[in-house]
Structures are given as C-alpha cells and as structure tokens.
C-alpha cells in the first residue's frame, strides 16, 4: 500500500486553485474554442479573491445586455451601447450586501464574429455574434470568510436569466448560480 504524504494532498488543492485561476486569465480563449459558450440568457462571471481584493472577468452575449448583437445602426442603439459601456466601467459587478466594494479599474470589450449561421432562427441569413468581456479590479472593505455577495447584473439586464459564477480564493474554490430572483451567493473558505 502506497502512503501519501500530507504535502501531496495540499498540492492537489493548490493545483486545482491554480488551474481555476488560469482559466480566469484565459477565459476569452476558452470561449472562442467552445461553440456552446454563446448562449442567450446565460453569462459567466469568474472571480479571484485575495484578502480585500477581487479581480473578475464577466463574459456575456451582447444580446443579454443590449437586446441585440448586430452593429448598432441607429443613434438610439449607439447611445444604448454607450450607456451599457459606461455602466460596466463604473459599477462593481460584485459587491458585499453593505456595498463596501470600490471599483479600482475596469475594461470593457465588445467583440464579435460575423458569418452565415443557421441557428437562432435566422435561417441562414448573415448574423453577428457579439460578446461583452469585462474585467474589473475591486477593493472591498469587510470581505470576511463566508461573506455573502450580490450582483447587480440580473436586475440591470432583464434578459440575463442565469449568471454562472466561479470563484477561487485562499481557502478554496466554488461556484454559484445567480438569477433575477436570487442575486446573492456565498463565498466560503
């Protein structure tokens, strides 16, 4: 019978954390390789937590936020996209229940692919699949172990039906599902 050193068990936990952290850093590349990553009504939020600091990546089809994915055509649509960008650049996408998180930096990207697709009931017409990718760095006072967090995303964007959250921190990793009816989740250590 082979004995396992206590370091081995801890190394597996650390490796799992590093793998999840690595997926956070490369989520854009993974989404590009995963044709199922673009699903209306669904979005993903990955967070890394260290002490009172959070870094996050939010990815979502543009449809969930704007109601359309094509290049903005009218002045109203252009203004709508500008308002969405401004909100994403100034609003913490995760916060404590007592709103103690401050946004330190944010970047917003609206990319996309154009081509002929037969999905989404377009019947072969020229379509565009555009995705938002938002990165934020937050500083949060009173970010204690087993803290309950909330996201304003489902309230702000009603077409966002499910927000899948994956987190990693010093005490481990986990996931949650946030919906318009339940916008809070717990990060346990």
N, C-alpha and C. Protein backbone atom coordinates (compact mmCIF):
# COMPACT_ATOMS: atom_id res chain seq x y z
N UNK A 1 0.84 -1.18 0.00
CA UNK A 1 0.00 0.00 0.00
C UNK A 1 0.89 1.24 0.00
N UNK A 2 0.61 2.15 -0.88
CA UNK A 2 1.41 3.36 -1.02
C UNK A 2 0.85 4.44 -0.11
N UNK A 3 1.72 5.06 0.69
CA UNK A 3 1.31 6.16 1.57
C UNK A 3 1.45 7.47 0.83
N UNK A 4 0.52 8.37 1.13
CA UNK A 4 0.59 9.70 0.52
C UNK A 4 0.98 10.70 1.58
N UNK A 5 1.98 11.45 1.25
CA UNK A 5 2.49 12.49 2.14
C UNK A 5 1.45 13.61 2.25
N UNK A 6 1.28 14.25 3.44
CA UNK A 6 0.30 15.34 3.59
C UNK A 6 0.51 16.46 2.57
N UNK A 7 1.75 16.69 2.16
CA UNK A 7 2.01 17.73 1.16
C UNK A 7 1.30 17.42 -0.14
N UNK A 8 1.24 16.11 -0.50
CA UNK A 8 0.62 15.71 -1.75
C UNK A 8 -0.85 16.14 -1.79
N UNK A 9 -1.57 15.90 -0.70
CA UNK A 9 -2.98 16.27 -0.63
C UNK A 9 -3.15 17.79 -0.79
N UNK A 10 -2.32 18.57 -0.10
CA UNK A 10 -2.38 20.02 -0.22
C UNK A 10 -1.99 20.50 -1.60
N UNK A 11 -1.04 19.81 -2.22
CA UNK A 11 -0.60 20.20 -3.57
C UNK A 11 -1.74 20.06 -4.57
N UNK A 12 -2.56 19.02 -4.41
CA UNK A 12 -3.69 18.86 -5.32
C UNK A 12 -4.68 20.01 -5.17
N UNK A 13 -4.93 20.43 -3.95
CA UNK A 13 -5.83 21.57 -3.73
C UNK A 13 -5.26 22.84 -4.35
N UNK A 14 -3.96 23.06 -4.12
CA UNK A 14 -3.33 24.25 -4.70
C UNK A 14 -3.35 24.19 -6.22
N UNK A 15 -3.11 23.00 -6.77
CA UNK A 15 -3.11 22.84 -8.22
C UNK A 15 -4.50 23.16 -8.77
N UNK A 16 -5.54 22.68 -8.10
CA UNK A 16 -6.90 22.99 -8.55
C UNK A 16 -7.14 24.49 -8.55
N UNK A 17 -6.65 25.19 -7.53
CA UNK A 17 -6.78 26.65 -7.48
C UNK A 17 -6.03 27.33 -8.60
N UNK A 18 -4.83 26.85 -8.87
CA UNK A 18 -4.04 27.43 -9.96
C UNK A 18 -4.71 27.17 -11.31
N UNK A 19 -5.29 25.98 -11.48
CA UNK A 19 -5.97 25.70 -12.74
C UNK A 19 -7.18 26.61 -12.94
N UNK A 20 -7.96 26.82 -11.87
CA UNK A 20 -9.11 27.71 -11.99
C UNK A 20 -8.65 29.14 -12.23
N UNK A 21 -7.61 29.56 -11.54
CA UNK A 21 -7.08 30.91 -11.76
C UNK A 21 -6.59 31.05 -13.20
N UNK A 22 -5.97 30.01 -13.71
CA UNK A 22 -5.51 30.04 -15.09
C UNK A 22 -6.67 30.14 -16.06
N UNK A 23 -7.78 29.49 -15.72
CA UNK A 23 -8.95 29.59 -16.62
C UNK A 23 -9.54 30.98 -16.56
N UNK A 24 -9.44 31.65 -15.44
CA UNK A 24 -9.91 33.03 -15.34
C UNK A 24 -9.09 33.91 -16.27
N UNK A 25 -7.79 33.70 -16.29
CA UNK A 25 -6.94 34.54 -17.12
C UNK A 25 -7.11 34.26 -18.60
N UNK A 26 -7.54 33.06 -18.95
CA UNK A 26 -7.64 32.73 -20.37
C UNK A 26 -9.07 32.47 -20.81
N UNK A 27 -10.04 33.05 -20.16
CA UNK A 27 -11.44 32.76 -20.48
C UNK A 27 -11.81 33.17 -21.89
N UNK A 28 -11.21 34.22 -22.40
CA UNK A 28 -11.54 34.66 -23.74
C UNK A 28 -11.12 33.59 -24.75
N UNK A 29 -9.97 33.03 -24.57
CA UNK A 29 -9.51 31.97 -25.46
C UNK A 29 -10.36 30.73 -25.34
N UNK A 30 -10.78 30.37 -24.15
CA UNK A 30 -11.62 29.21 -23.97
C UNK A 30 -12.98 29.42 -24.61
N UNK A 31 -13.57 30.60 -24.47
CA UNK A 31 -14.87 30.86 -25.06
C UNK A 31 -14.79 30.77 -26.58
N UNK A 32 -13.68 31.21 -27.16
CA UNK A 32 -13.53 31.15 -28.61
C UNK A 32 -13.46 29.71 -29.09
N UNK A 33 -12.92 28.80 -28.27
CA UNK A 33 -12.81 27.40 -28.64
C UNK A 33 -14.06 26.61 -28.33
N UNK A 34 -15.02 27.18 -27.62
CA UNK A 34 -16.21 26.48 -27.19
C UNK A 34 -17.43 27.05 -27.91
N UNK A 35 -17.93 26.37 -28.94
CA UNK A 35 -19.04 26.92 -29.69
C UNK A 35 -20.29 27.07 -28.85
N UNK A 36 -20.43 26.34 -27.74
CA UNK A 36 -21.60 26.46 -26.88
C UNK A 36 -21.50 27.60 -25.89
N UNK A 37 -20.40 28.35 -25.91
CA UNK A 37 -20.19 29.41 -24.94
C UNK A 37 -21.13 30.58 -25.17
N UNK A 38 -21.66 30.73 -26.38
CA UNK A 38 -22.52 31.85 -26.72
C UNK A 38 -23.98 31.40 -26.60
N UNK A 39 -24.61 31.66 -25.46
CA UNK A 39 -25.98 31.23 -25.24
C UNK A 39 -26.78 32.39 -24.67
N UNK A 40 -27.79 32.82 -25.40
CA UNK A 40 -28.61 33.93 -24.95
C UNK A 40 -29.27 33.60 -23.61
N UNK A 41 -29.33 34.59 -22.73
CA UNK A 41 -29.91 34.40 -21.41
C UNK A 41 -28.91 33.95 -20.36
N UNK A 42 -27.73 33.52 -20.78
CA UNK A 42 -26.72 32.99 -19.86
C UNK A 42 -25.42 33.78 -20.00
N UNK A 43 -24.73 33.95 -18.87
CA UNK A 43 -23.44 34.63 -18.86
C UNK A 43 -22.58 33.99 -17.78
N UNK A 44 -21.30 34.33 -17.80
CA UNK A 44 -20.34 33.77 -16.84
C UNK A 44 -19.57 34.88 -16.16
N UNK A 45 -19.31 34.68 -14.88
CA UNK A 45 -18.52 35.62 -14.08
C UNK A 45 -17.52 34.80 -13.29
N UNK A 46 -16.25 35.08 -13.50
CA UNK A 46 -15.19 34.37 -12.77
C UNK A 46 -14.51 35.37 -11.86
N UNK A 47 -14.29 34.96 -10.61
CA UNK A 47 -13.64 35.85 -9.68
C UNK A 47 -12.51 35.20 -8.92
N UNK A 48 -11.47 35.98 -8.72
CA UNK A 48 -10.34 35.59 -7.87
C UNK A 48 -10.32 36.55 -6.70
N UNK A 49 -10.28 35.98 -5.49
CA UNK A 49 -10.36 36.78 -4.26
C UNK A 49 -9.07 36.60 -3.48
N UNK A 50 -8.49 37.72 -3.07
CA UNK A 50 -7.30 37.69 -2.22
C UNK A 50 -7.41 38.84 -1.23
N UNK A 51 -7.48 38.49 0.04
CA UNK A 51 -7.66 39.47 1.12
C UNK A 51 -8.89 40.32 0.83
N UNK A 52 -8.73 41.62 0.68
CA UNK A 52 -9.87 42.51 0.41
C UNK A 52 -9.92 42.92 -1.06
N UNK A 53 -9.30 42.14 -1.92
CA UNK A 53 -9.25 42.47 -3.35
C UNK A 53 -9.93 41.37 -4.17
N UNK A 54 -10.70 41.80 -5.16
CA UNK A 54 -11.32 40.86 -6.09
C UNK A 54 -10.96 41.27 -7.51
N UNK A 55 -10.65 40.28 -8.32
CA UNK A 55 -10.46 40.51 -9.75
C UNK A 55 -11.48 39.62 -10.45
N UNK A 56 -12.15 40.18 -11.45
CA UNK A 56 -13.20 39.40 -12.09
C UNK A 56 -13.22 39.59 -13.59
N UNK A 57 -13.76 38.57 -14.25
CA UNK A 57 -13.98 38.59 -15.69
C UNK A 57 -15.43 38.19 -15.91
N UNK A 58 -16.16 39.04 -16.60
CA UNK A 58 -17.55 38.81 -16.94
C UNK A 58 -17.66 38.66 -18.45
N UNK A 59 -18.27 37.58 -18.92
CA UNK A 59 -18.48 37.39 -20.35
C UNK A 59 -19.96 37.10 -20.60
N UNK A 60 -20.50 37.76 -21.62
CA UNK A 60 -21.91 37.61 -21.93
C UNK A 60 -22.18 37.93 -23.39
N UNK A 61 -23.12 37.20 -24.01
CA UNK A 61 -23.56 37.63 -25.32
C UNK A 61 -24.12 39.05 -25.23
N UNK A 62 -23.86 39.85 -26.24
CA UNK A 62 -24.35 41.24 -26.24
C UNK A 62 -25.87 41.28 -26.14
N UNK A 63 -26.54 40.28 -26.65
CA UNK A 63 -28.00 40.23 -26.58
C UNK A 63 -28.51 40.37 -25.14
N UNK A 64 -27.82 39.74 -24.19
CA UNK A 64 -28.25 39.78 -22.79
C UNK A 64 -28.26 41.19 -22.22
N UNK A 65 -27.39 42.04 -22.72
CA UNK A 65 -27.26 43.39 -22.17
C UNK A 65 -27.96 44.44 -23.03
N UNK A 66 -27.87 44.28 -24.35
CA UNK A 66 -28.40 45.30 -25.26
C UNK A 66 -29.73 44.91 -25.92
N UNK A 67 -30.01 43.61 -25.97
CA UNK A 67 -31.21 43.16 -26.68
C UNK A 67 -30.97 42.90 -28.15
N UNK A 68 -29.75 43.14 -28.62
CA UNK A 68 -29.36 42.86 -30.00
C UNK A 68 -27.86 42.59 -30.03
N UNK A 69 -27.41 41.98 -31.14
CA UNK A 69 -25.99 41.65 -31.28
C UNK A 69 -25.35 42.27 -32.50
N UNK A 70 -26.13 42.76 -33.41
CA UNK A 70 -25.60 43.35 -34.63
C UNK A 70 -24.92 44.69 -34.32
N UNK A 71 -24.19 45.18 -35.30
CA UNK A 71 -23.56 46.51 -35.19
C UNK A 71 -24.68 47.54 -35.01
N UNK A 72 -24.55 48.43 -34.04
CA UNK A 72 -25.57 49.45 -33.78
C UNK A 72 -25.82 50.25 -35.06
N UNK A 73 -27.10 50.40 -35.39
CA UNK A 73 -27.46 51.06 -36.64
C UNK A 73 -27.99 52.48 -36.41
N UNK A 74 -28.80 52.66 -35.40
CA UNK A 74 -29.43 53.96 -35.16
C UNK A 74 -28.69 54.71 -34.07
N UNK A 75 -28.94 55.98 -33.97
CA UNK A 75 -28.35 56.78 -32.89
C UNK A 75 -28.82 56.28 -31.53
N UNK A 76 -30.08 55.84 -31.45
CA UNK A 76 -30.61 55.29 -30.19
C UNK A 76 -29.83 54.04 -29.77
N UNK A 77 -29.56 53.14 -30.73
CA UNK A 77 -28.79 51.93 -30.43
C UNK A 77 -27.35 52.26 -30.04
N UNK A 78 -26.75 53.22 -30.73
CA UNK A 78 -25.39 53.64 -30.38
C UNK A 78 -25.35 54.23 -28.97
N UNK A 79 -26.36 55.01 -28.61
CA UNK A 79 -26.42 55.59 -27.27
C UNK A 79 -26.65 54.50 -26.22
N UNK A 80 -27.47 53.51 -26.56
CA UNK A 80 -27.71 52.39 -25.65
C UNK A 80 -26.40 51.64 -25.35
N UNK A 81 -25.61 51.38 -26.40
CA UNK A 81 -24.32 50.70 -26.19
C UNK A 81 -23.37 51.57 -25.37
N UNK A 82 -23.38 52.87 -25.60
CA UNK A 82 -22.53 53.78 -24.82
C UNK A 82 -22.95 53.77 -23.35
N UNK A 83 -24.26 53.74 -23.08
CA UNK A 83 -24.76 53.70 -21.70
C UNK A 83 -24.37 52.39 -21.01
N UNK A 84 -24.46 51.28 -21.75
CA UNK A 84 -24.06 49.98 -21.19
C UNK A 84 -22.58 50.00 -20.85
N UNK A 85 -21.75 50.49 -21.76
CA UNK A 85 -20.31 50.57 -21.52
C UNK A 85 -20.02 51.41 -20.29
N UNK A 86 -20.65 52.56 -20.19
CA UNK A 86 -20.42 53.46 -19.05
C UNK A 86 -20.81 52.77 -17.74
N UNK A 87 -21.93 52.07 -17.73
CA UNK A 87 -22.38 51.36 -16.52
C UNK A 87 -21.39 50.27 -16.14
N UNK A 88 -20.93 49.49 -17.13
CA UNK A 88 -19.98 48.41 -16.86
C UNK A 88 -18.63 48.93 -16.39
N UNK A 89 -18.25 50.12 -16.82
CA UNK A 89 -16.97 50.71 -16.42
C UNK A 89 -17.02 51.38 -15.05
N UNK A 90 -18.22 51.62 -14.52
CA UNK A 90 -18.32 52.38 -13.26
C UNK A 90 -19.05 51.65 -12.14
N UNK A 91 -19.63 50.51 -12.40
CA UNK A 91 -20.41 49.78 -11.40
C UNK A 91 -19.71 48.47 -11.03
N UNK A 92 -19.44 48.24 -9.74
CA UNK A 92 -18.89 46.93 -9.34
C UNK A 92 -19.89 45.83 -9.70
N UNK A 93 -19.43 44.81 -10.43
CA UNK A 93 -20.32 43.73 -10.85
C UNK A 93 -20.58 42.73 -9.74
N UNK A 94 -19.81 42.82 -8.68
CA UNK A 94 -19.99 42.05 -7.45
C UNK A 94 -19.83 43.02 -6.31
N UNK A 95 -20.63 42.84 -5.26
CA UNK A 95 -20.49 43.71 -4.10
C UNK A 95 -20.91 42.95 -2.86
N UNK A 96 -20.49 43.45 -1.72
CA UNK A 96 -20.97 42.91 -0.45
C UNK A 96 -22.39 43.42 -0.25
N UNK A 97 -23.13 42.80 0.66
CA UNK A 97 -24.50 43.25 0.90
C UNK A 97 -24.56 44.69 1.39
N UNK A 98 -23.52 45.13 2.08
CA UNK A 98 -23.49 46.51 2.58
C UNK A 98 -22.77 47.45 1.62
N UNK A 99 -22.53 47.01 0.38
CA UNK A 99 -21.95 47.82 -0.70
C UNK A 99 -20.62 48.46 -0.30
N UNK A 100 -19.68 47.62 0.12
CA UNK A 100 -18.37 48.13 0.54
C UNK A 100 -17.29 47.98 -0.52
N UNK A 101 -17.64 47.55 -1.73
CA UNK A 101 -16.64 47.37 -2.78
C UNK A 101 -16.49 48.64 -3.61
N UNK A 102 -15.24 48.99 -3.87
CA UNK A 102 -14.92 50.15 -4.71
C UNK A 102 -14.22 49.65 -5.96
N UNK A 103 -14.61 50.20 -7.10
CA UNK A 103 -14.02 49.84 -8.37
C UNK A 103 -12.66 50.53 -8.52
N UNK A 104 -11.61 49.73 -8.70
CA UNK A 104 -10.26 50.27 -8.87
C UNK A 104 -9.90 50.42 -10.35
N UNK A 105 -10.33 49.47 -11.18
CA UNK A 105 -10.11 49.58 -12.62
C UNK A 105 -11.11 48.69 -13.34
N UNK A 106 -11.38 49.04 -14.60
CA UNK A 106 -12.30 48.26 -15.41
C UNK A 106 -11.97 48.43 -16.88
N UNK A 107 -12.14 47.35 -17.64
CA UNK A 107 -12.04 47.42 -19.09
C UNK A 107 -13.26 46.71 -19.67
N UNK A 108 -13.77 47.27 -20.74
CA UNK A 108 -14.95 46.70 -21.40
C UNK A 108 -14.62 46.50 -22.87
N UNK A 109 -14.89 45.30 -23.36
CA UNK A 109 -14.66 44.98 -24.75
C UNK A 109 -15.94 44.40 -25.33
N UNK A 110 -16.32 44.85 -26.51
CA UNK A 110 -17.46 44.30 -27.23
C UNK A 110 -16.92 43.78 -28.56
N UNK A 111 -16.66 42.49 -28.59
CA UNK A 111 -16.11 41.88 -29.80
C UNK A 111 -17.21 41.15 -30.54
N UNK A 112 -16.82 40.40 -31.53
CA UNK A 112 -17.83 39.63 -32.24
C UNK A 112 -17.30 38.93 -33.45
N UNK A 113 -18.12 38.03 -33.92
CA UNK A 113 -17.80 37.28 -35.13
C UNK A 113 -18.99 37.44 -36.06
N UNK A 114 -18.71 37.61 -37.32
CA UNK A 114 -19.77 37.75 -38.31
C UNK A 114 -19.68 36.59 -39.27
N UNK A 115 -20.81 36.05 -39.67
CA UNK A 115 -20.80 34.95 -40.61
C UNK A 115 -22.20 34.50 -40.90
N UNK A 116 -22.30 33.43 -41.68
CA UNK A 116 -23.60 32.86 -42.01
C UNK A 116 -23.85 31.70 -41.07
N UNK A 117 -24.94 31.78 -40.31
CA UNK A 117 -25.26 30.76 -39.32
C UNK A 117 -26.70 30.33 -39.50
N UNK A 118 -27.00 29.09 -39.14
CA UNK A 118 -28.36 28.58 -39.23
C UNK A 118 -29.05 28.52 -37.89
N UNK A 119 -28.42 29.01 -36.82
CA UNK A 119 -29.04 28.94 -35.50
C UNK A 119 -29.77 30.23 -35.18
N UNK A 120 -30.37 30.29 -34.02
CA UNK A 120 -31.11 31.46 -33.53
C UNK A 120 -32.26 31.86 -34.46
N UNK A 121 -32.81 30.90 -35.23
CA UNK A 121 -33.94 31.16 -36.13
C UNK A 121 -33.64 32.22 -37.18
N UNK A 122 -32.39 32.37 -37.56
CA UNK A 122 -32.05 33.32 -38.61
C UNK A 122 -32.15 32.67 -40.00
N UNK A 123 -32.26 31.33 -40.07
CA UNK A 123 -32.42 30.59 -41.32
C UNK A 123 -31.38 30.98 -42.36
N UNK A 124 -30.11 30.97 -41.96
CA UNK A 124 -29.02 31.16 -42.91
C UNK A 124 -28.71 32.60 -43.24
N UNK A 125 -29.41 33.56 -42.70
CA UNK A 125 -29.09 34.95 -43.01
C UNK A 125 -27.81 35.38 -42.33
N UNK A 126 -27.23 36.45 -42.78
CA UNK A 126 -25.99 36.98 -42.23
C UNK A 126 -26.26 37.45 -40.80
N UNK A 127 -25.53 36.91 -39.84
CA UNK A 127 -25.73 37.27 -38.43
C UNK A 127 -24.42 37.67 -37.80
N UNK A 128 -24.51 38.21 -36.64
CA UNK A 128 -23.33 38.60 -35.89
C UNK A 128 -23.49 38.13 -34.46
N UNK A 129 -22.50 37.42 -33.94
CA UNK A 129 -22.49 37.00 -32.54
C UNK A 129 -21.46 37.85 -31.84
N UNK A 130 -21.93 38.75 -31.02
CA UNK A 130 -21.03 39.66 -30.31
C UNK A 130 -21.11 39.37 -28.82
N UNK A 131 -19.98 39.41 -28.19
CA UNK A 131 -19.89 39.15 -26.76
C UNK A 131 -19.22 40.31 -26.05
N UNK A 132 -19.73 40.61 -24.86
CA UNK A 132 -19.06 41.54 -23.97
C UNK A 132 -18.07 40.77 -23.13
N UNK A 133 -16.91 41.36 -22.91
CA UNK A 133 -15.97 40.86 -21.92
C UNK A 133 -15.56 42.05 -21.07
N UNK A 134 -15.77 41.91 -19.77
CA UNK A 134 -15.50 42.98 -18.82
C UNK A 134 -14.53 42.44 -17.78
N UNK A 135 -13.46 43.17 -17.53
CA UNK A 135 -12.58 42.84 -16.41
C UNK A 135 -12.66 43.98 -15.41
N UNK A 136 -12.67 43.63 -14.15
CA UNK A 136 -12.70 44.63 -13.08
C UNK A 136 -11.79 44.20 -11.96
N UNK A 137 -11.21 45.21 -11.30
CA UNK A 137 -10.49 45.02 -10.05
C UNK A 137 -11.24 45.80 -8.99
N UNK A 138 -11.59 45.11 -7.90
CA UNK A 138 -12.35 45.73 -6.84
C UNK A 138 -11.57 45.66 -5.54
N UNK A 139 -11.78 46.66 -4.70
CA UNK A 139 -11.28 46.65 -3.32
C UNK A 139 -12.51 46.69 -2.43
N UNK A 140 -12.60 45.72 -1.52
CA UNK A 140 -13.80 45.59 -0.69
C UNK A 140 -13.45 45.58 0.79
N UNK A 141 -14.00 46.53 1.52
CA UNK A 141 -13.86 46.50 2.98
C UNK A 141 -14.76 45.40 3.52
N UNK A 142 -14.37 44.86 4.65
CA UNK A 142 -15.17 43.85 5.34
C UNK A 142 -15.43 42.62 4.47
N UNK A 143 -14.43 42.19 3.73
CA UNK A 143 -14.54 40.99 2.91
C UNK A 143 -14.02 39.81 3.74
N UNK A 144 -14.90 39.27 4.56
CA UNK A 144 -14.55 38.21 5.50
C UNK A 144 -14.82 36.84 4.90
N UNK A 145 -14.24 35.79 5.50
CA UNK A 145 -14.57 34.43 5.04
C UNK A 145 -16.08 34.20 5.17
N UNK A 146 -16.62 33.42 4.27
CA UNK A 146 -18.04 33.08 4.24
C UNK A 146 -18.93 34.32 4.06
N UNK A 147 -18.43 35.28 3.30
CA UNK A 147 -19.16 36.51 3.06
C UNK A 147 -20.26 36.26 2.02
N UNK A 148 -21.37 36.95 2.19
CA UNK A 148 -22.43 36.88 1.20
C UNK A 148 -22.25 38.04 0.23
N UNK A 149 -22.25 37.73 -1.06
CA UNK A 149 -22.05 38.73 -2.10
C UNK A 149 -23.30 38.83 -2.97
N UNK A 150 -23.40 39.90 -3.69
CA UNK A 150 -24.53 40.12 -4.58
C UNK A 150 -24.05 40.69 -5.90
N UNK A 151 -24.86 40.50 -6.94
CA UNK A 151 -24.53 41.05 -8.25
C UNK A 151 -25.70 41.89 -8.76
N UNK A 152 -25.42 43.10 -9.25
CA UNK A 152 -26.48 43.93 -9.80
C UNK A 152 -26.84 43.57 -11.24
N UNK A 153 -26.10 42.65 -11.86
CA UNK A 153 -26.29 42.35 -13.28
C UNK A 153 -27.71 41.89 -13.64
N UNK A 154 -28.29 40.90 -12.93
CA UNK A 154 -29.63 40.46 -13.33
C UNK A 154 -30.70 41.54 -13.17
N UNK A 155 -30.55 42.42 -12.20
CA UNK A 155 -31.53 43.50 -12.02
C UNK A 155 -31.39 44.55 -13.12
N UNK A 156 -30.18 44.83 -13.54
CA UNK A 156 -29.91 45.85 -14.56
C UNK A 156 -30.25 45.37 -15.97
N UNK A 157 -30.06 44.05 -16.21
CA UNK A 157 -30.25 43.50 -17.54
C UNK A 157 -31.25 42.34 -17.47
N UNK A 158 -32.54 42.61 -17.67
CA UNK A 158 -33.58 41.59 -17.50
C UNK A 158 -33.46 40.39 -18.43
N UNK A 159 -32.78 40.52 -19.57
CA UNK A 159 -32.63 39.39 -20.47
C UNK A 159 -31.56 38.41 -20.00
N UNK A 160 -30.85 38.76 -18.94
CA UNK A 160 -29.85 37.87 -18.34
C UNK A 160 -30.57 36.97 -17.34
N UNK A 161 -30.86 35.75 -17.76
CA UNK A 161 -31.64 34.82 -16.95
C UNK A 161 -30.81 34.07 -15.92
N UNK A 162 -29.56 33.74 -16.27
CA UNK A 162 -28.69 33.00 -15.37
C UNK A 162 -27.26 33.50 -15.49
N UNK A 163 -26.67 33.75 -14.34
CA UNK A 163 -25.27 34.17 -14.27
C UNK A 163 -24.51 33.09 -13.51
N UNK A 164 -23.65 32.38 -14.22
CA UNK A 164 -22.85 31.32 -13.61
C UNK A 164 -21.58 31.93 -13.03
N UNK A 165 -21.39 31.76 -11.73
CA UNK A 165 -20.24 32.36 -11.05
C UNK A 165 -19.29 31.26 -10.59
N UNK A 166 -18.01 31.44 -10.92
CA UNK A 166 -16.94 30.57 -10.43
C UNK A 166 -15.98 31.45 -9.67
N UNK A 167 -15.57 31.01 -8.49
CA UNK A 167 -14.65 31.81 -7.69
C UNK A 167 -13.52 30.94 -7.16
N UNK A 168 -12.39 31.61 -6.91
CA UNK A 168 -11.24 30.96 -6.30
C UNK A 168 -10.66 31.95 -5.29
N UNK A 169 -10.26 31.43 -4.15
CA UNK A 169 -9.66 32.26 -3.11
C UNK A 169 -8.67 31.46 -2.31
N UNK A 170 -8.12 32.07 -1.28
CA UNK A 170 -7.10 31.41 -0.47
C UNK A 170 -7.63 30.13 0.17
N UNK A 171 -8.91 30.09 0.48
CA UNK A 171 -9.49 28.94 1.16
C UNK A 171 -10.08 27.89 0.25
N UNK A 172 -10.06 28.10 -1.05
CA UNK A 172 -10.62 27.10 -1.94
C UNK A 172 -11.26 27.72 -3.16
N UNK A 173 -12.18 26.97 -3.74
CA UNK A 173 -12.86 27.41 -4.94
C UNK A 173 -14.29 26.89 -4.90
N UNK A 174 -15.14 27.48 -5.74
CA UNK A 174 -16.53 27.05 -5.78
C UNK A 174 -17.28 27.75 -6.89
N UNK A 175 -18.56 27.51 -6.90
CA UNK A 175 -19.39 28.11 -7.91
C UNK A 175 -20.79 28.34 -7.40
N UNK A 176 -21.50 29.22 -8.08
CA UNK A 176 -22.88 29.56 -7.73
C UNK A 176 -23.62 29.93 -9.00
N UNK A 177 -24.93 29.92 -8.91
CA UNK A 177 -25.78 30.37 -9.99
C UNK A 177 -26.64 31.51 -9.47
N UNK A 178 -26.57 32.66 -10.14
CA UNK A 178 -27.34 33.84 -9.76
C UNK A 178 -28.42 34.06 -10.80
N UNK A 179 -29.62 34.37 -10.34
CA UNK A 179 -30.75 34.62 -11.22
C UNK A 179 -31.41 35.93 -10.80
N UNK A 180 -32.34 36.45 -11.60
CA UNK A 180 -33.04 37.67 -11.18
C UNK A 180 -33.75 37.51 -9.84
N UNK A 181 -34.23 36.31 -9.54
CA UNK A 181 -34.93 36.07 -8.27
C UNK A 181 -33.97 35.87 -7.09
N UNK A 182 -32.73 35.47 -7.37
CA UNK A 182 -31.76 35.22 -6.31
C UNK A 182 -30.41 35.77 -6.75
N UNK A 183 -30.12 37.02 -6.38
CA UNK A 183 -28.91 37.71 -6.83
C UNK A 183 -27.76 37.57 -5.86
N UNK A 184 -27.91 36.83 -4.78
CA UNK A 184 -26.83 36.70 -3.79
C UNK A 184 -26.23 35.30 -3.84
N UNK A 185 -24.97 35.23 -3.40
CA UNK A 185 -24.27 33.96 -3.28
C UNK A 185 -23.22 34.09 -2.20
N UNK A 186 -22.74 32.96 -1.73
CA UNK A 186 -21.77 32.93 -0.65
C UNK A 186 -20.43 32.39 -1.15
N UNK A 187 -19.36 33.06 -0.71
CA UNK A 187 -18.01 32.57 -0.96
C UNK A 187 -17.52 32.01 0.37
N UNK A 188 -17.36 30.70 0.44
CA UNK A 188 -16.94 30.03 1.67
C UNK A 188 -15.46 29.74 1.62
N UNK A 189 -14.85 29.78 2.77
CA UNK A 189 -13.42 29.43 2.86
C UNK A 189 -13.25 28.21 3.71
